[in-house]
């Protein structure tokens, strides 16, 4: 695959309608917290037949999980803390409610990429969000067969305010920054996704349903 191939999310969903991998938090892209207010990374894929041994593990201080260690070539992340409870008002049908929902959802997808557990992240998606759900299934299957993911944390920053044309489907433009992602198979084979782009712009569609926000899909703004 060439270095400028479509990013992973686009390839999995077969076009520009992407499964949402987003957060709307203003975190800096180099935040080292394990869930960071930020799932899978984007980019071109390269496959290696064996793993290297140069990366050192690192601990990250956090209130929820002492002893946290990032994933590396030797194994998956350890002692990954679960995200805190959502901020008050995240269910409200307001612009702030959208941001708070997206923020906590993004924290749960970053938890999922490090643990293979997307059960909480799924709660924020519409059942029609096939692209994102497909990504979750792939990562969960990787962990079930004994593999894991190195890096892959995402950061999205809102660009402007949410808008709607029909008071039903709301959209929000975001700026996406990410780390590379390396999927490690049990036999040591690695597949790394990265990109030469500094950022991408996504538009997310959400709907307020049953008293909460649900993420319908995301789309690259080209």
C-alpha atoms as a PDB file:
ATOM      1  CA  UNK A   1       0.000   0.000   0.000  1.00  0.00           C
ATOM      2  CA  UNK A   2       1.346   3.439  -0.814  1.00  0.00           C
ATOM      3  CA  UNK A   3       2.127   6.022   1.891  1.00  0.00           C
ATOM      4  CA  UNK A   4      -0.752   8.194   0.664  1.00  0.00           C
ATOM      5  CA  UNK A   5      -3.406   5.467   0.677  1.00  0.00           C
ATOM      6  CA  UNK A   6      -6.845   6.237   2.068  1.00  0.00           C
ATOM      7  CA  UNK A   7      -6.930   6.217   5.831  1.00  0.00           C
ATOM      8  CA  UNK A   8      -8.093   3.093   7.584  1.00  0.00           C
ATOM      9  CA  UNK A   9     -11.521   4.359   8.510  1.00  0.00           C
ATOM     10  CA  UNK A  10     -12.285   5.315   4.937  1.00  0.00           C
ATOM     11  CA  UNK A  11     -11.089   1.964   3.626  1.00  0.00           C
ATOM     12  CA  UNK A  12     -13.200   0.031   6.107  1.00  0.00           C
ATOM     13  CA  UNK A  13     -16.371   1.906   5.249  1.00  0.00           C
ATOM     14  CA  UNK A  14     -15.770   1.945   1.510  1.00  0.00           C
ATOM     15  CA  UNK A  15     -15.792   5.663   0.862  1.00  0.00           C
ATOM     16  CA  UNK A  16     -16.033   9.102   2.372  1.00  0.00           C
ATOM     17  CA  UNK A  17     -18.777   8.222   4.848  1.00  0.00           C
ATOM     18  CA  UNK A  18     -16.701   7.126   7.772  1.00  0.00           C
ATOM     19  CA  UNK A  19     -17.341   5.426  11.034  1.00  0.00           C
ATOM     20  CA  UNK A  20     -16.848   8.189  13.572  1.00  0.00           C
ATOM     21  CA  UNK A  21     -13.692   8.157  15.433  1.00  0.00           C
ATOM     22  CA  UNK A  22     -14.020  11.490  17.087  1.00  0.00           C
ATOM     23  CA  UNK A  23     -13.794  13.608  20.038  1.00  0.00           C
ATOM     24  CA  UNK A  24     -14.667  17.195  20.455  1.00  0.00           C
ATOM     25  CA  UNK A  25     -12.338  18.090  23.213  1.00  0.00           C
ATOM     26  CA  UNK A  26      -9.691  20.764  23.133  1.00  0.00           C
ATOM     27  CA  UNK A  27      -6.954  18.455  24.409  1.00  0.00           C
ATOM     28  CA  UNK A  28      -3.518  18.940  22.940  1.00  0.00           C
ATOM     29  CA  UNK A  29      -2.555  16.142  20.541  1.00  0.00           C
ATOM     30  CA  UNK A  30       0.330  15.036  22.731  1.00  0.00           C
ATOM     31  CA  UNK A  31      -1.692  14.518  25.908  1.00  0.00           C
ATOM     32  CA  UNK A  32      -0.222  11.425  27.569  1.00  0.00           C
ATOM     33  CA  UNK A  33      -3.188  10.453  29.706  1.00  0.00           C
ATOM     34  CA  UNK A  34      -4.383   6.952  28.890  1.00  0.00           C
ATOM     35  CA  UNK A  35      -7.837   7.934  27.685  1.00  0.00           C
ATOM     36  CA  UNK A  36      -6.872  11.494  26.988  1.00  0.00           C
ATOM     37  CA  UNK A  37     -10.285  12.911  26.275  1.00  0.00           C
ATOM     38  CA  UNK A  38      -9.722  11.272  22.998  1.00  0.00           C
ATOM     39  CA  UNK A  39      -9.837   5.049  19.036  1.00  0.00           C
ATOM     40  CA  UNK A  40      -8.309   3.981  16.243  1.00  0.00           C
ATOM     41  CA  UNK A  41      -5.851   5.984  14.230  1.00  0.00           C
ATOM     42  CA  UNK A  42      -6.032   6.808  10.548  1.00  0.00           C
ATOM     43  CA  UNK A  43      -3.644   6.402   7.658  1.00  0.00           C
ATOM     44  CA  UNK A  44      -1.789   4.156   5.300  1.00  0.00           C
ATOM     45  CA  UNK A  45      -0.918   0.620   6.297  1.00  0.00           C
ATOM     46  CA  UNK A  46       2.443  -1.121   6.236  1.00  0.00           C
ATOM     47  CA  UNK A  47       3.037  -4.693   7.394  1.00  0.00           C
ATOM     48  CA  UNK A  48       6.130  -5.969   9.202  1.00  0.00           C
ATOM     49  CA  UNK A  49       6.987  -9.632   9.626  1.00  0.00           C
ATOM     50  CA  UNK A  50       8.615  -9.212  13.041  1.00  0.00           C
ATOM     51  CA  UNK A  51       8.537  -6.793  15.911  1.00  0.00           C
ATOM     52  CA  UNK A  52      11.382  -4.604  17.106  1.00  0.00           C
ATOM     53  CA  UNK A  53      12.407  -4.258  20.770  1.00  0.00           C
ATOM     54  CA  UNK A  54      13.459  -0.648  21.017  1.00  0.00           C
ATOM     55  CA  UNK A  55      10.427   0.983  22.669  1.00  0.00           C
ATOM     56  CA  UNK A  56      10.442   1.428  26.400  1.00  0.00           C
ATOM     57  CA  UNK A  57       7.300   1.246  28.469  1.00  0.00           C
ATOM     58  CA  UNK A  58       6.100   4.374  30.189  1.00  0.00           C
ATOM     59  CA  UNK A  59       3.933   5.054  33.206  1.00  0.00           C
ATOM     60  CA  UNK A  60       1.368   7.773  33.172  1.00  0.00           C
ATOM     61  CA  UNK A  61       0.196   9.433  36.338  1.00  0.00           C
ATOM     62  CA  UNK A  62      -3.568   9.548  36.595  1.00  0.00           C
ATOM     63  CA  UNK A  63      -6.133   9.624  39.362  1.00  0.00           C
ATOM     64  CA  UNK A  64      -7.962   6.493  38.295  1.00  0.00           C
ATOM     65  CA  UNK A  65      -5.208   3.978  37.729  1.00  0.00           C
ATOM     66  CA  UNK A  66      -1.757   3.979  39.301  1.00  0.00           C
ATOM     67  CA  UNK A  67       0.654   1.731  37.470  1.00  0.00           C
ATOM     68  CA  UNK A  68      -0.713   2.513  34.011  1.00  0.00           C
ATOM     69  CA  UNK A  69       1.672   1.385  31.296  1.00  0.00           C
ATOM     70  CA  UNK A  70       1.368   2.140  27.596  1.00  0.00           C
ATOM     71  CA  UNK A  71       1.270  -0.691  25.103  1.00  0.00           C
ATOM     72  CA  UNK A  72       4.534  -1.509  23.387  1.00  0.00           C
ATOM     73  CA  UNK A  73       6.097  -4.393  21.445  1.00  0.00           C
ATOM     74  CA  UNK A  74       6.141  -6.502  24.586  1.00  0.00           C
ATOM     75  CA  UNK A  75       2.442  -6.381  25.313  1.00  0.00           C
ATOM     76  CA  UNK A  76      -0.806  -4.438  25.608  1.00  0.00           C
ATOM     77  CA  UNK A  77      -1.469  -1.465  27.853  1.00  0.00           C
ATOM     78  CA  UNK A  78      -1.884  -2.341  31.507  1.00  0.00           C
ATOM     79  CA  UNK A  79      -4.067  -0.870  34.256  1.00  0.00           C
ATOM     80  CA  UNK A  80      -5.962   1.380  31.828  1.00  0.00           C
ATOM     81  CA  UNK A  81      -8.294   3.545  33.954  1.00  0.00           C
ATOM     82  CA  UNK A  82     -11.915   3.876  32.953  1.00  0.00           C
ATOM     83  CA  UNK A  83     -13.057   7.393  32.006  1.00  0.00           C
ATOM     84  CA  UNK A  84     -14.772   9.522  34.595  1.00  0.00           C
ATOM     85  CA  UNK A  85     -18.543   9.950  34.608  1.00  0.00           C
ATOM     86  CA  UNK A  86     -19.851  12.335  31.918  1.00  0.00           C
ATOM     87  CA  UNK A  87     -20.249  15.989  32.756  1.00  0.00           C
ATOM     88  CA  UNK A  88     -23.671  17.150  33.883  1.00  0.00           C
ATOM     89  CA  UNK A  89     -25.805  18.182  30.940  1.00  0.00           C
ATOM     90  CA  UNK A  90     -24.312  15.802  28.378  1.00  0.00           C
ATOM     91  CA  UNK A  91     -27.788  14.516  27.500  1.00  0.00           C
ATOM     92  CA  UNK A  92     -29.268  17.976  26.960  1.00  0.00           C
ATOM     93  CA  UNK A  93     -30.354  19.024  23.493  1.00  0.00           C
ATOM     94  CA  UNK A  94     -27.861  21.888  23.382  1.00  0.00           C
ATOM     95  CA  UNK A  95     -24.523  22.649  21.728  1.00  0.00           C
ATOM     96  CA  UNK A  96     -22.836  22.024  25.084  1.00  0.00           C
ATOM     97  CA  UNK A  97     -24.627  18.685  25.321  1.00  0.00           C
ATOM     98  CA  UNK A  98     -23.169  17.658  21.955  1.00  0.00           C
ATOM     99  CA  UNK A  99     -19.648  18.578  23.027  1.00  0.00           C
ATOM    100  CA  UNK A 100     -19.926  16.789  26.363  1.00  0.00           C
ATOM    101  CA  UNK A 101     -21.344  13.673  24.723  1.00  0.00           C
ATOM    102  CA  UNK A 102     -18.599  13.586  22.132  1.00  0.00           C
ATOM    103  CA  UNK A 103     -15.934  14.152  24.764  1.00  0.00           C
ATOM    104  CA  UNK A 104     -16.942  11.237  26.950  1.00  0.00           C
ATOM    105  CA  UNK A 105     -17.520   9.015  23.917  1.00  0.00           C
ATOM    106  CA  UNK A 106     -14.019   9.777  22.700  1.00  0.00           C
ATOM    107  CA  UNK A 107     -12.595   8.848  26.072  1.00  0.00           C
ATOM    108  CA  UNK A 108     -14.355   5.495  25.860  1.00  0.00           C
ATOM    109  CA  UNK A 109     -13.044   4.784  22.358  1.00  0.00           C
ATOM    110  CA  UNK A 110      -9.534   5.475  23.595  1.00  0.00           C
ATOM    111  CA  UNK A 111     -10.221   3.051  26.413  1.00  0.00           C
ATOM    112  CA  UNK A 112     -11.397   0.526  23.821  1.00  0.00           C
ATOM    113  CA  UNK A 113      -8.313   0.825  21.623  1.00  0.00           C
ATOM    114  CA  UNK A 114      -6.134   0.023  24.638  1.00  0.00           C
ATOM    115  CA  UNK A 115      -8.234  -2.789  26.109  1.00  0.00           C
ATOM    116  CA  UNK A 116     -10.337  -4.280  23.323  1.00  0.00           C
ATOM    117  CA  UNK A 117     -13.493  -3.352  25.252  1.00  0.00           C
ATOM    118  CA  UNK A 118     -15.825  -1.060  23.300  1.00  0.00           C
ATOM    119  CA  UNK A 119     -18.976  -1.890  25.254  1.00  0.00           C
ATOM    120  CA  UNK A 120     -19.366   1.635  26.655  1.00  0.00           C
ATOM    121  CA  UNK A 121     -18.320   3.358  23.420  1.00  0.00           C
ATOM    122  CA  UNK A 122     -21.116   1.506  21.603  1.00  0.00           C
ATOM    123  CA  UNK A 123     -23.705   3.171  23.834  1.00  0.00           C
ATOM    124  CA  UNK A 124     -23.041   6.518  22.151  1.00  0.00           C
ATOM    125  CA  UNK A 125     -23.601   5.246  18.599  1.00  0.00           C
ATOM    126  CA  UNK A 126     -26.719   4.846  16.543  1.00  0.00           C
ATOM    127  CA  UNK A 127     -27.300   1.213  15.571  1.00  0.00           C
ATOM    128  CA  UNK A 128     -26.990   2.379  11.952  1.00  0.00           C
ATOM    129  CA  UNK A 129     -23.387   3.548  12.408  1.00  0.00           C
ATOM    130  CA  UNK A 130     -21.992   0.535  10.555  1.00  0.00           C
ATOM    131  CA  UNK A 131     -18.549   1.969   9.823  1.00  0.00           C
ATOM    132  CA  UNK A 132     -17.592   2.670  13.419  1.00  0.00           C
ATOM    133  CA  UNK A 133     -19.106  -0.557  14.674  1.00  0.00           C
ATOM    134  CA  UNK A 134     -17.031  -2.470  12.110  1.00  0.00           C
ATOM    135  CA  UNK A 135     -13.862  -0.884  13.463  1.00  0.00           C
ATOM    136  CA  UNK A 136     -14.817  -1.890  17.000  1.00  0.00           C
ATOM    137  CA  UNK A 137     -15.381  -5.484  15.911  1.00  0.00           C
ATOM    138  CA  UNK A 138     -11.987  -5.668  14.212  1.00  0.00           C
ATOM    139  CA  UNK A 139     -10.109  -4.363  17.247  1.00  0.00           C
ATOM    140  CA  UNK A 140     -12.063  -6.584  19.645  1.00  0.00           C
ATOM    141  CA  UNK A 141     -11.263  -9.616  17.478  1.00  0.00           C
ATOM    142  CA  UNK A 142      -7.567  -8.697  17.524  1.00  0.00           C
ATOM    143  CA  UNK A 143      -7.520  -8.686  21.324  1.00  0.00           C
ATOM    144  CA  UNK A 144      -9.543 -11.914  21.550  1.00  0.00           C
ATOM    145  CA  UNK A 145      -6.964 -13.769  19.484  1.00  0.00           C
ATOM    146  CA  UNK A 146      -4.158 -12.533  21.725  1.00  0.00           C
ATOM    147  CA  UNK A 147      -3.030  -9.392  19.886  1.00  0.00           C
ATOM    148  CA  UNK A 148      -3.094  -5.758  20.917  1.00  0.00           C
ATOM    149  CA  UNK A 149      -2.718  -2.167  19.702  1.00  0.00           C
ATOM    150  CA  UNK A 150       0.169   0.244  20.231  1.00  0.00           C
ATOM    151  CA  UNK A 151      -0.735   3.956  20.186  1.00  0.00           C
ATOM    152  CA  UNK A 152      -3.900   4.745  18.202  1.00  0.00           C
ATOM    153  CA  UNK A 153      -5.143   7.543  20.478  1.00  0.00           C
ATOM    154  CA  UNK A 154      -7.267  10.199  18.735  1.00  0.00           C
ATOM    155  CA  UNK A 155      -7.862  13.893  19.264  1.00  0.00           C
ATOM    156  CA  UNK A 156     -10.632  15.954  17.701  1.00  0.00           C
ATOM    157  CA  UNK A 157     -11.149  19.681  18.167  1.00  0.00           C
ATOM    158  CA  UNK A 158     -14.400  21.463  17.350  1.00  0.00           C
ATOM    159  CA  UNK A 159     -14.372  23.990  14.530  1.00  0.00           C
ATOM    160  CA  UNK A 160     -17.232  26.413  15.085  1.00  0.00           C
ATOM    161  CA  UNK A 161     -20.658  25.581  16.487  1.00  0.00           C
ATOM    162  CA  UNK A 162     -23.015  22.666  15.746  1.00  0.00           C
ATOM    163  CA  UNK A 163     -25.711  23.428  13.197  1.00  0.00           C
ATOM    164  CA  UNK A 164     -28.934  21.903  11.916  1.00  0.00           C
ATOM    165  CA  UNK A 165     -31.203  22.454   8.949  1.00  0.00           C
ATOM    166  CA  UNK A 166     -34.208  20.515  10.227  1.00  0.00           C
ATOM    167  CA  UNK A 167     -33.893  20.527  14.051  1.00  0.00           C
ATOM    168  CA  UNK A 168     -33.383  16.779  13.888  1.00  0.00           C
ATOM    169  CA  UNK A 169     -29.941  15.960  12.521  1.00  0.00           C
ATOM    170  CA  UNK A 170     -27.178  18.145  13.947  1.00  0.00           C
ATOM    171  CA  UNK A 171     -23.706  18.449  12.478  1.00  0.00           C
ATOM    172  CA  UNK A 172     -20.396  19.512  13.920  1.00  0.00           C
ATOM    173  CA  UNK A 173     -17.129  20.148  12.091  1.00  0.00           C
ATOM    174  CA  UNK A 174     -13.986  18.936  13.836  1.00  0.00           C
ATOM    175  CA  UNK A 175     -10.240  19.019  13.318  1.00  0.00           C
ATOM    176  CA  UNK A 176      -8.729  15.553  13.703  1.00  0.00           C
ATOM    177  CA  UNK A 177      -5.201  14.936  14.953  1.00  0.00           C
ATOM    178  CA  UNK A 178      -3.965  11.452  15.767  1.00  0.00           C
ATOM    179  CA  UNK A 179      -1.064   9.226  16.699  1.00  0.00           C
ATOM    180  CA  UNK A 180      -0.113   6.335  14.472  1.00  0.00           C
ATOM    181  CA  UNK A 181      -1.605   2.944  15.274  1.00  0.00           C
ATOM    182  CA  UNK A 182       0.233  -0.374  15.237  1.00  0.00           C
ATOM    183  CA  UNK A 183      -1.792  -3.583  15.385  1.00  0.00           C
ATOM    184  CA  UNK A 184       0.279  -6.442  16.813  1.00  0.00           C
ATOM    185  CA  UNK A 185      -0.738 -10.025  16.044  1.00  0.00           C
ATOM    186  CA  UNK A 186      -0.038 -12.877  18.501  1.00  0.00           C
ATOM    187  CA  UNK A 187       2.746 -14.180  16.241  1.00  0.00           C
ATOM    188  CA  UNK A 188       4.536 -10.806  16.298  1.00  0.00           C
ATOM    189  CA  UNK A 189       3.435  -9.509  12.892  1.00  0.00           C
ATOM    190  CA  UNK A 190       2.667  -5.796  12.897  1.00  0.00           C
ATOM    191  CA  UNK A 191       0.521  -3.554  10.746  1.00  0.00           C
ATOM    192  CA  UNK A 192       1.067   0.172  11.191  1.00  0.00           C
ATOM    193  CA  UNK A 193      -1.370   2.884  10.146  1.00  0.00           C
ATOM    194  CA  UNK A 194      -0.056   6.403   9.826  1.00  0.00           C
ATOM    195  CA  UNK A 195      -0.465   9.454   7.636  1.00  0.00           C
ATOM    196  CA  UNK A 196       1.641  12.250   6.243  1.00  0.00           C
ATOM    197  CA  UNK A 197      -1.236  14.665   6.848  1.00  0.00           C
ATOM    198  CA  UNK A 198      -1.028  16.898   9.883  1.00  0.00           C
ATOM    199  CA  UNK A 199      -4.790  16.987  10.257  1.00  0.00           C
ATOM    200  CA  UNK A 200      -8.096  16.133   8.649  1.00  0.00           C
ATOM    201  CA  UNK A 201     -11.449  17.848   8.928  1.00  0.00           C
ATOM    202  CA  UNK A 202     -14.465  15.696   9.745  1.00  0.00           C
ATOM    203  CA  UNK A 203     -18.167  16.510   9.923  1.00  0.00           C
ATOM    204  CA  UNK A 204     -20.153  14.497  12.443  1.00  0.00           C
ATOM    205  CA  UNK A 205     -23.879  13.924  12.347  1.00  0.00           C
ATOM    206  CA  UNK A 206     -25.801  13.419  15.571  1.00  0.00           C
ATOM    207  CA  UNK A 207     -29.418  13.008  16.537  1.00  0.00           C
ATOM    208  CA  UNK A 208     -31.112  13.597  19.885  1.00  0.00           C
ATOM    209  CA  UNK A 209     -33.146  10.455  20.502  1.00  0.00           C
ATOM    210  CA  UNK A 210     -34.646   8.932  23.663  1.00  0.00           C
ATOM    211  CA  UNK A 211     -33.276  11.742  25.785  1.00  0.00           C
ATOM    212  CA  UNK A 212     -29.654  11.536  24.639  1.00  0.00           C
ATOM    213  CA  UNK A 213     -27.344  12.238  21.703  1.00  0.00           C
ATOM    214  CA  UNK A 214     -26.548   9.421  19.289  1.00  0.00           C
ATOM    215  CA  UNK A 215     -23.744   9.561  16.723  1.00  0.00           C
ATOM    216  CA  UNK A 216     -25.072   8.684  13.279  1.00  0.00           C
ATOM    217  CA  UNK A 217     -21.934   8.879  11.111  1.00  0.00           C
ATOM    218  CA  UNK A 218     -18.960  11.029  10.220  1.00  0.00           C
ATOM    219  CA  UNK A 219     -17.729  12.301   6.871  1.00  0.00           C
ATOM    220  CA  UNK A 220     -14.436  13.756   5.719  1.00  0.00           C
ATOM    221  CA  UNK A 221     -14.869  17.373   4.653  1.00  0.00           C
ATOM    222  CA  UNK A 222     -13.073  17.539   1.306  1.00  0.00           C
END
